[in-house]
Structures are given as C-alpha cells and as structure tokens.
Amino acid sequence: MQELEMLHGILNAYPYPIVFVDNDYIVRYMNKNARYFYCDERGYDDLIGKSIFDCHKPQSVERIKECYEEIKRNGKEIFIGVSVRNQRIYMQGVRNDKGQWIGFFERFELNIAK
C-alpha cells in the first residue's frame, strides 16, 4: 500500500470534515465528510483549487487570516467555535519535513463536555 493511499483512507475514516488549505488560502484537500458538508449540504461546487474564502462569509476572511498568522507565530492549534451541528471547529498549522509552513487544516469534532 502506498503512503498517499493510506493517508487518504485514514482521513476519509475520520467521521467529521477535514479541509487542508495552503499558504495562499487555496483548498488542496477535502475528506469525504468535508465534501459532503460543503458540496452536498451547503451547495458549493467542488472547492479543490479554489479559495477557502469562497465558502465563508466575507466577515470571516480577516479572522481566518488572523488565526493562521497566530498559528505561525506560536505553532498552536486554534479553537474557532462551535458549528450549528454542535461540532467544535479547529485550525491546525501544517509544516513540511523542513519545518516550513505549508498551510493549515480545518477540522471538526463532536462538542462533548469533558
């Protein structure tokens, strides 16, 4: 099994949306749950290769940029908020093997009291 096939399988097994966005705010990957959420439920066309801002309200643009800059400053994941489906939304920075920032991913998880 090739690494890419294995990673794709792992990300699709995650029961919530995951979206990877590069440094230019272009969507590069969506797991199957993200495709369902953004395309099937919310009615967006395929977002791969398009700006993350195409599927967010205009007032969210600066917040997304600010959050990514904060991640690059301190390397820590950022809690964005809770969705209407009671899912927590997080942004996590991603570095390549050389330690350079290559983007971030947005992930959802069920909002359960701990």
Protein backbone atom coordinates (compact mmCIF):
# COMPACT_ATOMS: atom_id res chain seq x y z
CA MET A 1 0.00 0.00 0.00
CA GLN A 2 1.35 3.43 -0.93
CA GLU A 3 1.58 6.18 1.68
CA LEU A 4 -0.80 8.52 -0.18
CA GLU A 5 -3.49 5.83 -0.44
CA MET A 6 -3.08 5.03 3.26
CA LEU A 7 -3.33 8.70 4.33
CA HIS A 8 -6.37 9.26 2.11
CA GLY A 9 -8.04 6.23 3.72
CA ILE A 10 -7.25 7.46 7.24
CA LEU A 11 -8.61 10.95 6.57
CA ASN A 12 -11.78 9.57 4.99
CA ALA A 13 -12.31 7.31 8.01
CA TYR A 14 -12.42 10.39 10.29
CA PRO A 15 -16.17 10.94 10.86
CA TYR A 16 -16.07 14.76 10.55
CA PRO A 17 -14.95 17.28 7.91
CA ILE A 18 -11.24 17.94 7.35
CA VAL A 19 -10.11 20.59 4.84
CA PHE A 20 -6.46 21.37 4.03
CA VAL A 21 -5.66 24.89 2.80
CA ASP A 22 -2.25 26.04 1.50
CA ASN A 23 -0.37 29.27 2.31
CA ASP A 24 -2.27 31.09 -0.45
CA TYR A 25 -5.62 30.10 1.12
CA ILE A 26 -6.37 27.62 -1.68
CA VAL A 27 -8.24 24.42 -0.77
CA ARG A 28 -5.99 21.46 -1.65
CA TYR A 29 -7.74 18.56 0.08
CA MET A 30 -11.15 17.69 1.49
CA ASN A 31 -12.02 14.38 3.09
CA LYS A 32 -15.31 12.74 2.12
CA ASN A 33 -17.17 14.29 5.07
CA ALA A 34 -15.95 17.77 4.12
CA ARG A 35 -17.08 17.21 0.54
CA TYR A 36 -20.49 16.13 1.79
CA PHE A 37 -20.80 19.07 4.20
CA TYR A 38 -19.64 21.82 1.82
CA CYS A 39 -20.82 20.45 -1.54
CA ASP A 40 -23.85 18.26 -0.93
CA GLU A 41 -25.35 20.05 2.08
CA ARG A 42 -24.27 23.66 1.57
CA GLY A 43 -24.39 23.58 -2.24
CA TYR A 44 -20.85 24.67 -3.13
CA ASP A 45 -19.22 23.32 -6.29
CA ASP A 46 -16.02 21.35 -5.90
CA LEU A 47 -13.78 23.61 -3.80
CA ILE A 48 -10.47 21.92 -4.62
CA GLY A 49 -8.22 24.54 -6.22
CA LYS A 50 -10.45 27.42 -5.08
CA SER A 51 -10.05 29.97 -2.31
CA ILE A 52 -11.19 28.98 1.18
CA PHE A 53 -12.92 32.35 1.21
CA ASP A 54 -15.34 31.13 -1.49
CA CYS A 55 -17.18 29.12 1.19
CA HIS A 56 -17.00 31.58 4.07
CA LYS A 57 -18.85 34.80 4.77
CA PRO A 58 -16.90 38.00 3.97
CA GLN A 59 -16.60 38.88 7.66
CA SER A 60 -14.74 35.58 8.22
CA VAL A 61 -11.89 36.39 5.82
CA GLU A 62 -9.87 38.53 8.23
CA ARG A 63 -10.49 36.13 11.11
CA ILE A 64 -9.16 33.20 9.09
CA LYS A 65 -6.07 35.18 8.11
CA GLU A 66 -5.50 36.35 11.70
CA CYS A 67 -5.86 32.80 13.04
CA TYR A 68 -3.37 31.41 10.54
CA GLU A 69 -0.86 34.17 11.38
CA GLU A 70 -1.30 33.34 15.09
CA ILE A 71 -0.68 29.65 14.37
CA LYS A 72 2.52 30.54 12.51
CA ARG A 73 3.67 32.68 15.46
CA ASN A 74 3.10 30.12 18.21
CA GLY A 75 2.57 26.78 16.45
CA LYS A 76 -0.57 26.01 18.44
CA GLU A 77 -3.95 24.82 17.23
CA ILE A 78 -6.75 27.41 17.43
CA PHE A 79 -10.32 26.78 18.51
CA ILE A 80 -12.58 28.60 16.05
CA GLY A 81 -16.00 27.95 17.57
CA VAL A 82 -18.97 25.58 17.62
CA SER A 83 -20.99 24.89 14.48
CA VAL A 84 -24.77 24.79 14.25
CA ARG A 85 -24.40 20.99 14.37
CA ASN A 86 -22.73 21.20 17.78
CA GLN A 87 -19.30 20.44 16.37
CA ARG A 88 -16.14 22.18 17.56
CA ILE A 89 -14.09 23.69 14.74
CA TYR A 90 -10.31 23.95 14.97
CA MET A 91 -7.49 25.23 12.76
CA GLN A 92 -4.15 23.41 12.91
CA GLY A 93 -0.99 24.54 11.10
CA VAL A 94 0.96 22.12 8.91
CA ARG A 95 4.71 22.13 8.28
CA ASN A 96 6.70 20.21 5.70
CA ASP A 97 9.68 17.98 6.53
CA LYS A 98 11.95 21.05 6.53
CA GLY A 99 9.82 22.79 9.16
CA GLN A 100 8.35 25.34 6.75
CA TRP A 101 4.67 26.25 7.00
CA ILE A 102 2.74 24.82 4.05
CA GLY A 103 -0.79 25.62 5.20
CA PHE A 104 -3.38 24.59 7.74
CA PHE A 105 -6.26 22.24 8.11
CA GLU A 106 -9.70 22.91 9.48
CA ARG A 107 -11.18 20.02 11.40
CA PHE A 108 -14.44 19.40 13.18
CA GLU A 109 -15.22 17.18 16.18
CA LEU A 110 -18.31 16.48 18.26
CA ASN A 111 -18.77 19.04 21.04
CA ILE A 112 -18.98 16.84 24.12
CA ALA A 113 -18.42 18.13 27.64
CA LYS A 114 -15.23 16.66 29.09
